[in-house]
Amino acid sequence: MQKIVAVLGGGIGGLSACHHLSKSPNVSKVVLLEGGGRCGGWLSSTRREDGAVFEHGPRGVRPAGAVGRNTLNMVSELGLESEILPVTKDHVASKNRYLYVKGQLHKMPSGPGGVLRTIPPFSRPIIQSILKEMLISKGKEEDESVHAFVSRRLSSELADIAIDSLCRGVFAGDCRQLSVRSCFPPLYEAEQARGSIVLGMLMGSGGGHKVVPCEVAKRASKESWTQWSLKRGMQTLPEALEDTLRRRERVELHHHAKVKSLNMDGRGWEIKLEDGACLKADHVISALPASALVSLLPPAAQPLSEELRSITSVTVAVVNLEYEGFILPVTGFGHLVPSSEDPGVLGVVYDSVPFPQHNRNGGPTTRLTVMMGGAWFEQAFGNPDIVSKQTLLNRATQAVTSHLGVTSSPVWSLVALLKDCIPQYHLGHWKRLEKMRQYINNHNLPLTLTGASYDGVSVNDVIFSGRTAAEGLVGKI
């Protein structure tokens, strides 16, 4: 039987699900319902007439692993190969990453030499922690915070400085609350399979998805790309997906189609929209944030709603700045700031270094992005609903001055407040997912959960989860 499938949410996860569904003969119609005026979710770029491009969300994608190959395969299918801007392993943006600790920038150790010597801000060579790690017995807990896991297996100093900063850079979150099992599955699995992260990484812990690489993905591997972007910014990807979907006759895309409620009707769903419209679907794929889905579900699904409600998100202020000339004291990808140094500022990305192609035409400029808030937003800035953009801009320029010694003022700036943009996988997240999927199964609900709230927050993870959601419904495509 051919199904009518409704996909809720036109972010990159919802678009990916539609893309894969629309290729299947088992689907008679795919209806994408996006509440806002555009698709693409957090993938959002400002393109200026003078050629400058600024990212307000993710700015580069990693090509590594099955999920990285999967994204490049999709980019290739959409005909965007010629738009790719690759950054290779020997590029200065790949080799140089910094930490801002005790008022100073420190280059992160890279290569064997960096691991063997004592490099500030660390008080001893990292190799000592690595050698010790192989002798530490396996943990007994089902889950553990990222901080506790790294403290136990490596050292509390690495957890306090490097891992704290990393979790702020990736999740804008607090490593003392985030789950190692859900946030860094390879670390958890390496310990489970081999009793050691180091041995697990060297020998592999088995499993994993299989994705056959297209030509571009093969090239990425051969040329050792560490990340890539697109000439007109990351927003190009959802735009190309939307264009492709609009040309497929079994797909309907709706903007400003905010869902009000979902009710079971016989074997399928009755979907009511805020504007009074009503439609029926045999199956719903929700690519909405977990908290947004809660208010749509029928009262009978209360146990599911409670689990969904417990997945919270954090708000991040993203401040794009442009300066005349080349003003950086160091070159590299950027720097992260541990929470002990400054809870409000998560890090600064030196956008002009990896992607000079996004600078304006004409004289040299430096583009930077300051990331702020996250799990510390309220502590640093108060209520996100009332904080002024000027306050955020002042704080960002002040960070650039104190961290990088930049004395000039930016010639252009843009402040974006991304409310509830990154879900936080707190301790026990895997258990919540298990309970939700169990509930959906036991009650034969024609519902699939996809998107950043569940199985990974990176662009690659979300695109892959959209594909998995579609294939779970119609089989491998």
Protein backbone atom coordinates (compact mmCIF):
# COMPACT_ATOMS: atom_id res chain seq x y z
CA MET A 1 0.00 0.00 0.00
CA GLN A 2 1.25 3.46 -0.83
CA LYS A 3 1.41 5.83 2.10
CA ILE A 4 0.87 9.53 2.59
CA VAL A 5 3.69 10.73 4.86
CA ALA A 6 3.71 14.10 6.62
CA VAL A 7 7.08 15.47 7.69
CA LEU A 8 6.91 18.11 10.43
CA GLY A 9 9.70 20.68 10.38
CA GLY A 10 11.65 21.89 7.35
CA GLY A 11 15.09 22.02 8.95
CA ILE A 12 17.89 19.99 7.39
CA GLY A 13 16.60 16.78 9.08
CA GLY A 14 13.07 17.17 7.72
CA LEU A 15 14.39 18.02 4.25
CA SER A 16 16.68 14.98 4.31
CA ALA A 17 13.75 12.71 5.28
CA CYS A 18 11.65 14.14 2.40
CA HIS A 19 14.55 13.73 -0.04
CA HIS A 20 14.81 10.01 0.74
CA LEU A 21 11.04 9.40 0.94
CA SER A 22 10.48 11.05 -2.43
CA LYS A 23 12.69 8.43 -4.11
CA SER A 24 10.54 5.53 -2.89
CA PRO A 25 7.70 4.04 -4.93
CA ASN A 26 5.98 3.03 -1.65
CA VAL A 27 5.03 6.62 -0.90
CA SER A 28 2.14 8.20 -2.79
CA LYS A 29 2.63 11.68 -1.30
CA VAL A 30 5.11 13.48 0.96
CA VAL A 31 3.87 16.63 2.67
CA LEU A 32 6.44 18.86 4.38
CA LEU A 33 5.00 21.26 6.94
CA GLU A 34 7.33 24.08 7.97
CA GLY A 35 6.03 26.58 10.52
CA GLY A 36 8.29 29.46 9.48
CA GLY A 37 8.83 31.36 6.26
CA ARG A 38 11.86 29.38 5.08
CA CYS A 39 13.34 25.91 5.22
CA GLY A 40 16.81 25.04 6.47
CA GLY A 41 16.41 25.59 10.20
CA TRP A 42 19.69 26.61 11.80
CA LEU A 43 21.57 26.47 8.49
CA SER A 44 21.39 30.16 7.73
CA SER A 45 23.79 32.43 5.84
CA THR A 46 23.90 36.17 5.13
CA ARG A 47 25.21 36.92 1.64
CA ARG A 48 26.22 40.49 1.02
CA GLU A 49 26.30 42.12 -2.40
CA ASP A 50 30.09 42.59 -2.17
CA GLY A 51 30.56 38.80 -2.01
CA ALA A 52 30.96 38.44 1.77
CA VAL A 53 29.24 35.45 3.38
CA PHE A 54 28.48 35.11 7.10
CA GLU A 55 27.16 31.99 8.82
CA HIS A 56 24.71 32.22 11.72
CA GLY A 57 24.62 28.49 12.34
CA PRO A 58 26.98 25.64 11.41
CA ARG A 59 29.86 26.94 9.26
CA GLY A 60 31.73 23.84 8.18
CA VAL A 61 30.98 20.15 7.87
CA ARG A 62 33.34 17.28 8.62
CA PRO A 63 33.64 14.71 5.82
CA ALA A 64 34.78 11.85 8.08
CA GLY A 65 32.95 8.61 8.82
CA ALA A 66 29.79 7.09 7.39
CA VAL A 67 27.65 10.12 8.26
CA GLY A 68 30.18 12.46 6.63
CA ARG A 69 30.20 10.36 3.45
CA ASN A 70 26.41 10.29 3.48
CA THR A 71 26.25 14.12 3.46
CA LEU A 72 28.79 14.39 0.62
CA ASN A 73 26.77 11.81 -1.34
CA MET A 74 23.71 14.03 -0.94
CA VAL A 75 25.67 17.16 -1.95
CA SER A 76 26.75 15.26 -5.07
CA GLU A 77 23.18 14.13 -5.87
CA LEU A 78 22.06 17.75 -5.63
CA GLY A 79 24.71 18.76 -8.17
CA LEU A 80 26.65 20.96 -5.76
CA GLU A 81 30.13 19.42 -6.23
CA SER A 82 31.51 22.55 -7.89
CA GLU A 83 30.30 24.65 -4.94
CA ILE A 84 32.38 22.81 -2.31
CA LEU A 85 35.17 24.67 -0.49
CA PRO A 86 37.41 22.00 1.06
CA VAL A 87 39.89 22.52 3.92
CA THR A 88 42.67 19.92 3.94
CA LYS A 89 44.64 18.41 6.83
CA ASP A 90 47.76 20.46 6.11
CA HIS A 91 45.83 23.77 6.11
CA VAL A 92 46.67 26.13 8.97
CA ALA A 93 42.98 26.09 10.06
CA SER A 94 43.21 22.30 10.52
CA LYS A 95 46.54 22.33 12.35
CA ASN A 96 46.06 25.31 14.66
CA ARG A 97 43.31 25.34 17.25
CA TYR A 98 43.64 27.36 20.41
CA LEU A 99 42.42 27.49 24.00
CA TYR A 100 42.10 30.77 25.87
CA VAL A 101 43.20 29.99 29.43
CA LYS A 102 44.34 32.34 32.21
CA GLY A 103 44.19 35.32 29.89
CA GLN A 104 46.37 33.75 27.17
CA LEU A 105 45.98 31.86 23.91
CA HIS A 106 47.53 28.38 23.89
CA LYS A 107 47.88 26.27 20.75
CA MET A 108 46.35 22.84 21.25
CA PRO A 109 48.95 20.05 21.04
CA SER A 110 48.97 18.47 17.59
CA GLY A 111 51.13 15.70 16.16
CA PRO A 112 53.36 13.34 18.16
CA GLY A 113 55.65 16.10 19.47
CA GLY A 114 52.74 17.93 21.06
CA VAL A 115 51.72 14.81 22.98
CA LEU A 116 55.23 14.04 24.28
CA ARG A 117 56.13 17.48 25.67
CA THR A 118 54.50 19.49 28.42
CA ILE A 119 52.59 22.21 26.59
CA PRO A 120 50.77 24.94 28.52
CA PRO A 121 48.02 25.23 29.72
CA PHE A 122 48.65 21.58 30.73
CA SER A 123 51.01 20.78 33.59
CA ARG A 124 52.34 17.50 32.19
CA PRO A 125 52.71 15.72 28.85
CA ILE A 126 49.46 14.25 27.51
CA ILE A 127 51.28 10.96 26.75
CA GLN A 128 51.34 10.26 30.52
CA SER A 129 47.53 10.30 30.66
CA ILE A 130 47.33 8.18 27.48
CA LEU A 131 49.68 5.47 28.80
CA LYS A 132 47.90 5.40 32.15
CA GLU A 133 44.51 5.17 30.39
CA MET A 134 45.27 1.72 28.96
CA LEU A 135 45.69 0.32 32.49
CA ILE A 136 42.49 1.72 33.99
CA SER A 137 39.73 -0.83 34.46
CA LYS A 138 36.38 -0.56 32.72
CA GLY A 139 33.68 1.61 34.33
CA LYS A 140 30.66 -0.09 35.90
CA GLU A 141 28.09 2.64 35.24
CA GLU A 142 25.51 2.47 32.42
CA ASP A 143 26.18 6.15 31.72
CA GLU A 144 28.48 8.83 33.05
CA SER A 145 29.00 12.55 32.52
CA VAL A 146 31.63 13.42 29.92
CA HIS A 147 33.65 15.17 32.64
CA ALA A 148 33.57 12.19 35.01
CA PHE A 149 34.50 9.76 32.21
CA VAL A 150 37.52 11.78 31.03
CA SER A 151 38.64 12.53 34.61
CA ARG A 152 38.51 8.82 35.44
CA ARG A 153 40.19 7.53 32.30
CA LEU A 154 42.64 10.35 31.46
CA SER A 155 43.01 13.19 33.97
CA SER A 156 40.90 15.80 35.72
CA GLU A 157 43.10 18.51 34.19
CA LEU A 158 42.23 17.37 30.64
CA ALA A 159 38.56 17.19 31.66
CA ASP A 160 38.59 20.67 33.26
CA ILE A 161 40.32 22.43 30.38
CA ALA A 162 40.24 20.56 27.06
CA ILE A 163 36.99 18.57 27.41
CA ASP A 164 35.13 21.40 29.11
CA SER A 165 36.07 23.64 26.15
CA LEU A 166 35.27 20.98 23.56
CA CYS A 167 31.75 20.40 24.96
CA ARG A 168 31.18 24.15 24.90
CA GLY A 169 32.35 24.28 21.27
CA VAL A 170 30.22 21.36 20.06
CA PHE A 171 27.13 21.37 22.32
CA ALA A 172 27.38 24.83 23.95
CA GLY A 173 26.90 22.58 26.98
CA ASP A 174 28.32 21.69 30.38
CA CYS A 175 30.47 18.54 30.31
CA ARG A 176 29.50 17.90 33.95
CA GLN A 177 25.90 17.32 32.84
CA LEU A 178 26.30 15.91 29.33
CA SER A 179 26.25 12.14 28.83
CA VAL A 180 29.39 10.50 27.44
CA ARG A 181 27.33 7.62 26.05
CA SER A 182 25.12 9.93 23.97
CA CYS A 183 27.48 12.83 23.19
CA PHE A 184 30.62 10.84 22.37
CA PRO A 185 29.45 7.30 21.50
CA PRO A 186 32.89 6.26 20.10
CA LEU A 187 34.55 6.90 23.50
CA TYR A 188 31.88 5.00 25.39
CA GLU A 189 31.93 2.12 22.88
CA ALA A 190 35.73 1.92 22.88
CA GLU A 191 35.73 1.44 26.65
CA GLN A 192 32.92 -1.12 26.45
CA ALA A 193 34.51 -3.11 23.61
CA ARG A 194 38.22 -2.89 24.48
CA GLY A 195 38.31 -1.65 28.08
CA SER A 196 40.26 1.40 26.90
CA ILE A 197 39.64 4.48 24.72
CA VAL A 198 43.16 4.26 23.27
CA LEU A 199 42.90 0.56 22.39
CA GLY A 200 39.37 1.06 21.09
CA MET A 201 40.54 3.86 18.80
CA LEU A 202 43.57 1.86 17.59
CA MET A 203 41.77 -1.45 17.06
CA GLY A 204 38.28 -0.16 16.33
CA SER A 205 35.28 -1.14 18.42
CA GLY A 206 33.38 -2.73 15.51
CA GLY A 207 29.90 -1.91 14.26
CA GLY A 208 29.00 1.37 12.60
CA HIS A 209 27.02 2.27 9.49
CA LYS A 210 28.08 1.38 5.98
CA VAL A 211 27.82 4.14 3.39
CA VAL A 212 29.28 3.67 -0.09
CA PRO A 213 31.20 6.86 -0.98
CA CYS A 214 30.47 8.81 -4.18
CA GLU A 215 33.34 10.38 -6.18
CA VAL A 216 33.43 13.55 -4.04
CA ALA A 217 33.50 11.53 -0.83
CA LYS A 218 36.38 9.47 -2.23
CA ARG A 219 38.19 12.66 -3.13
CA ALA A 220 37.66 14.03 0.40
CA SER A 221 39.29 10.94 1.83
CA LYS A 222 42.17 10.91 -0.70
CA GLU A 223 42.91 14.61 -0.21
CA SER A 224 42.48 14.40 3.60
CA TRP A 225 39.80 17.07 4.00
CA THR A 226 39.09 18.01 7.61
CA GLN A 227 36.02 20.10 6.79
CA TRP A 228 34.21 21.78 3.92
CA SER A 229 31.72 24.55 3.24
CA LEU A 230 29.92 25.88 0.15
CA LYS A 231 30.76 28.96 -1.93
CA ARG A 232 27.53 30.77 -1.08
CA GLY A 233 27.41 29.52 2.50
CA MET A 234 25.84 26.52 4.22
CA GLN A 235 22.30 27.74 3.50
CA THR A 236 22.94 26.61 -0.11
CA LEU A 237 22.40 23.01 1.01
CA PRO A 238 18.79 23.34 2.27
CA GLU A 239 17.99 25.66 -0.66
CA ALA A 240 19.17 23.03 -3.16
CA LEU A 241 17.20 20.31 -1.32
CA GLU A 242 14.07 22.43 -1.37
CA ASP A 243 14.48 23.21 -5.09
CA THR A 244 14.90 19.52 -5.90
CA LEU A 245 11.88 18.54 -3.80
CA ARG A 246 9.67 21.17 -5.42
CA ARG A 247 10.37 19.56 -8.79
CA ARG A 248 9.17 16.14 -7.61
CA GLU A 249 5.51 15.64 -8.31
CA ARG A 250 4.65 13.58 -5.23
CA VAL A 251 6.03 16.20 -2.85
CA GLU A 252 4.16 19.16 -1.36
CA LEU A 253 6.12 21.79 0.56
CA HIS A 254 4.36 24.30 2.78
CA HIS A 255 5.87 27.32 4.54
CA HIS A 256 3.98 29.11 7.35
CA ALA A 257 2.24 25.78 8.06
CA LYS A 258 2.41 25.64 11.84
CA VAL A 259 0.93 22.45 13.25
CA LYS A 260 -1.56 22.90 16.08
CA SER A 261 -2.41 19.29 16.98
CA LEU A 262 -1.98 15.66 16.00
CA ASN A 263 -4.81 13.19 16.60
CA MET A 264 -5.07 9.52 15.78
CA ASP A 265 -7.89 8.83 13.39
CA GLY A 266 -8.41 5.13 12.72
CA ARG A 267 -5.00 3.97 11.53
CA GLY A 268 -3.52 7.34 10.63
CA TRP A 269 -3.22 10.94 11.78
CA GLU A 270 -5.42 13.95 11.52
CA ILE A 271 -3.14 17.02 11.45
CA LYS A 272 -4.67 20.36 12.36
CA LEU A 273 -2.82 23.52 11.39
CA GLU A 274 -2.92 26.86 13.22
CA ASP A 275 -4.69 28.45 10.22
CA GLY A 276 -7.61 26.01 10.55
CA ALA A 277 -6.57 23.71 7.70
CA CYS A 278 -6.71 19.98 8.31
CA LEU A 279 -4.97 17.11 6.56
CA LYS A 280 -4.67 13.36 6.92
CA ALA A 281 -1.54 11.25 6.79
CA ASP A 282 -0.78 7.55 7.23
CA HIS A 283 2.50 8.30 8.98
CA VAL A 284 4.18 11.29 10.60
CA ILE A 285 7.92 11.90 10.75
CA SER A 286 8.58 14.60 13.33
CA ALA A 287 11.76 16.58 12.68
CA LEU A 288 10.66 19.18 15.24
CA PRO A 289 12.60 19.75 18.46
CA ALA A 290 11.39 17.32 21.16
CA SER A 291 9.86 20.15 23.22
CA ALA A 292 7.86 21.44 20.21
CA LEU A 293 6.35 18.02 19.56
CA VAL A 294 5.07 17.76 23.16
CA SER A 295 2.36 20.40 22.67
CA LEU A 296 1.02 18.69 19.52
CA LEU A 297 0.55 15.14 20.77
CA PRO A 298 -2.86 13.91 21.96
CA PRO A 299 -3.40 13.66 25.76
CA ALA A 300 -3.42 9.86 25.46
CA ALA A 301 0.28 9.97 24.56
CA GLN A 302 1.18 11.54 27.94
CA PRO A 303 4.00 9.06 28.78
CA LEU A 304 5.69 9.89 25.47
CA SER A 305 5.22 13.63 26.04
CA GLU A 306 6.90 13.38 29.45
CA GLU A 307 10.03 11.77 28.02
CA LEU A 308 10.12 14.32 25.17
CA ARG A 309 9.78 17.20 27.62
CA SER A 310 12.90 16.10 29.48
CA ILE A 311 15.12 16.82 26.44
CA THR A 312 16.06 20.45 26.94
CA SER A 313 17.94 22.85 24.65
CA VAL A 314 20.23 25.84 25.11
CA THR A 315 20.25 29.28 23.52
CA VAL A 316 23.34 30.60 21.75
CA ALA A 317 24.15 34.16 20.69
CA VAL A 318 26.13 34.18 17.42
CA VAL A 319 27.85 37.47 16.68
CA ASN A 320 29.43 37.91 13.22
CA LEU A 321 32.08 40.62 13.07
CA GLU A 322 34.08 42.04 10.16
CA TYR A 323 37.27 44.05 10.58
CA GLU A 324 39.39 45.97 8.07
CA GLY A 325 42.71 44.32 7.22
CA PHE A 326 44.20 41.22 8.76
CA ILE A 327 44.03 41.71 12.52
CA LEU A 328 44.65 38.26 14.03
CA PRO A 329 47.72 37.72 16.25
CA VAL A 330 47.63 34.00 15.36
CA THR A 331 46.21 32.02 12.43
CA GLY A 332 44.10 28.93 12.86
CA PHE A 333 40.54 27.72 13.09
CA GLY A 334 39.74 29.69 16.23
CA HIS A 335 39.84 29.39 20.00
CA LEU A 336 37.62 27.89 22.67
CA VAL A 337 37.20 29.18 26.20
CA PRO A 338 36.75 26.84 29.21
CA SER A 339 33.85 27.70 31.53
CA SER A 340 36.28 28.46 34.39
CA GLU A 341 37.77 31.30 32.30
CA ASP A 342 34.58 33.02 31.12
CA PRO A 343 31.21 31.24 31.33
CA GLY A 344 29.54 33.70 28.90
CA VAL A 345 31.92 33.38 25.94
CA LEU A 346 32.14 29.88 24.43
CA GLY A 347 34.71 30.64 21.74
CA VAL A 348 35.73 32.66 18.71
CA VAL A 349 35.95 31.25 15.17
CA TYR A 350 38.43 32.91 12.80
CA ASP A 351 36.17 32.46 9.74
CA SER A 352 38.54 34.18 7.30
CA VAL A 353 41.26 31.60 7.89
CA PRO A 354 39.51 28.38 6.75
CA PHE A 355 37.23 30.15 4.24
CA PRO A 356 38.91 33.29 2.80
CA GLN A 357 36.57 32.78 -0.21
CA HIS A 358 33.78 34.19 1.97
CA ASN A 359 35.57 37.53 2.47
CA ARG A 360 34.22 40.52 0.55
CA ASN A 361 35.72 41.51 -2.79
CA GLY A 362 38.31 44.29 -2.57
CA GLY A 363 40.77 44.95 0.25
CA PRO A 364 41.68 42.41 2.96
CA THR A 365 39.27 41.88 5.85
CA THR A 366 38.97 39.54 8.80
CA ARG A 367 35.68 37.82 9.57
CA LEU A 368 35.19 36.44 13.08
CA THR A 369 32.25 34.80 14.84
CA VAL A 370 31.88 34.98 18.61
CA MET A 371 29.71 32.26 20.16
CA MET A 372 28.18 33.08 23.54
CA GLY A 373 25.82 31.72 26.17
CA GLY A 374 24.75 28.12 25.74
CA ALA A 375 24.21 26.40 29.10
CA TRP A 376 25.47 29.63 30.74
CA PHE A 377 23.19 32.04 28.82
CA GLU A 378 20.97 33.12 31.70
CA GLN A 379 23.88 33.34 34.13
CA ALA A 380 25.80 35.61 31.73
CA PHE A 381 23.07 37.62 30.00
CA GLY A 382 19.78 37.05 31.83
CA ASN A 383 16.52 36.17 30.09
CA PRO A 384 17.08 35.62 26.32
CA ASP A 385 13.66 37.17 25.61
CA ILE A 386 14.71 40.58 26.92
CA VAL A 387 18.48 40.79 26.36
CA SER A 388 19.36 43.53 23.85
CA LYS A 389 21.40 42.86 20.73
CA GLN A 390 23.62 45.81 21.71
CA THR A 391 24.51 44.08 24.99
CA LEU A 392 25.49 40.94 23.08
CA LEU A 393 27.46 42.91 20.50
CA ASN A 394 29.37 44.81 23.21
CA ARG A 395 30.24 41.59 24.98
CA ALA A 396 31.45 39.99 21.73
CA THR A 397 33.67 42.92 20.66
CA GLN A 398 35.05 43.12 24.20
CA ALA A 399 36.01 39.40 23.99
CA VAL A 400 37.79 39.99 20.65
CA THR A 401 39.71 42.90 22.20
CA SER A 402 40.77 41.06 25.34
CA HIS A 403 41.43 37.61 23.83
CA LEU A 404 43.06 38.70 20.55
CA GLY A 405 44.39 42.17 21.36
CA VAL A 406 42.34 43.74 18.56
CA THR A 407 42.09 47.48 19.14
CA SER A 408 40.09 48.54 16.06
CA SER A 409 36.31 48.45 15.95
CA PRO A 410 34.42 46.17 13.57
CA VAL A 411 33.26 47.79 10.32
CA TRP A 412 30.24 45.47 10.12
CA SER A 413 28.42 43.26 12.60
CA LEU A 414 25.35 41.10 12.93
CA VAL A 415 23.87 39.59 16.09
CA ALA A 416 21.73 36.45 15.84
CA LEU A 417 20.03 34.98 18.90
CA LEU A 418 19.44 31.28 18.30
CA LYS A 419 16.82 30.30 20.88
CA ASP A 420 16.85 26.67 22.00
CA CYS A 421 19.13 25.74 19.11
CA ILE A 422 21.21 22.89 20.57
CA PRO A 423 19.56 19.97 22.40
CA GLN A 424 21.44 18.81 25.50
CA TYR A 425 21.98 15.07 25.90
CA HIS A 426 22.09 14.92 29.68
CA LEU A 427 22.82 11.79 31.71
CA GLY A 428 20.48 8.95 30.83
CA HIS A 429 19.58 10.36 27.39
CA TRP A 430 19.94 6.88 25.80
CA LYS A 431 17.40 5.50 28.28
CA ARG A 432 14.89 8.23 27.40
CA LEU A 433 15.23 7.42 23.69
CA GLU A 434 14.74 3.74 24.43
CA LYS A 435 11.54 4.46 26.41
CA MET A 436 10.15 6.75 23.69
CA ARG A 437 10.80 4.31 20.87
CA GLN A 438 9.44 1.46 22.99
CA TYR A 439 6.24 3.45 23.65
CA ILE A 440 5.78 4.24 19.94
CA ASN A 441 6.29 0.55 19.12
CA ASN A 442 4.01 -0.83 21.83
CA HIS A 443 1.18 1.51 20.86
CA ASN A 444 1.68 1.00 17.09
CA LEU A 445 1.91 4.75 16.63
CA PRO A 446 2.66 5.62 12.98
CA LEU A 447 5.26 8.13 14.20
CA THR A 448 9.02 8.44 13.67
CA LEU A 449 11.25 10.83 15.64
CA THR A 450 14.16 12.42 13.81
CA GLY A 451 16.40 15.48 14.10
CA ALA A 452 18.92 16.93 16.54
CA SER A 453 16.94 16.16 19.70
CA TYR A 454 17.73 12.45 19.54
CA ASP A 455 20.79 10.89 17.88
CA GLY A 456 23.42 13.57 17.33
CA VAL A 457 23.47 17.35 16.93
CA SER A 458 25.93 17.79 14.04
CA VAL A 459 24.75 18.61 10.52
CA ASN A 460 25.93 15.14 9.41
CA ASP A 461 24.08 13.38 12.25
CA VAL A 462 20.83 15.23 11.54
CA ILE A 463 20.97 14.57 7.79
CA PHE A 464 21.68 10.90 8.47
CA SER A 465 18.83 10.67 10.99
CA GLY A 466 16.46 12.02 8.30
CA ARG A 467 17.62 9.28 5.95
CA THR A 468 17.27 6.62 8.68
CA ALA A 469 13.72 7.83 9.46
CA ALA A 470 12.73 7.51 5.78
CA GLU A 471 14.34 4.09 5.37
CA GLY A 472 12.71 2.83 8.56
CA LEU A 473 9.42 3.48 6.83
CA VAL A 474 10.01 2.41 3.22
CA GLY A 475 13.11 0.21 3.46
CA LYS A 476 16.60 0.88 2.12
CA ILE A 477 16.49 3.37 -0.73
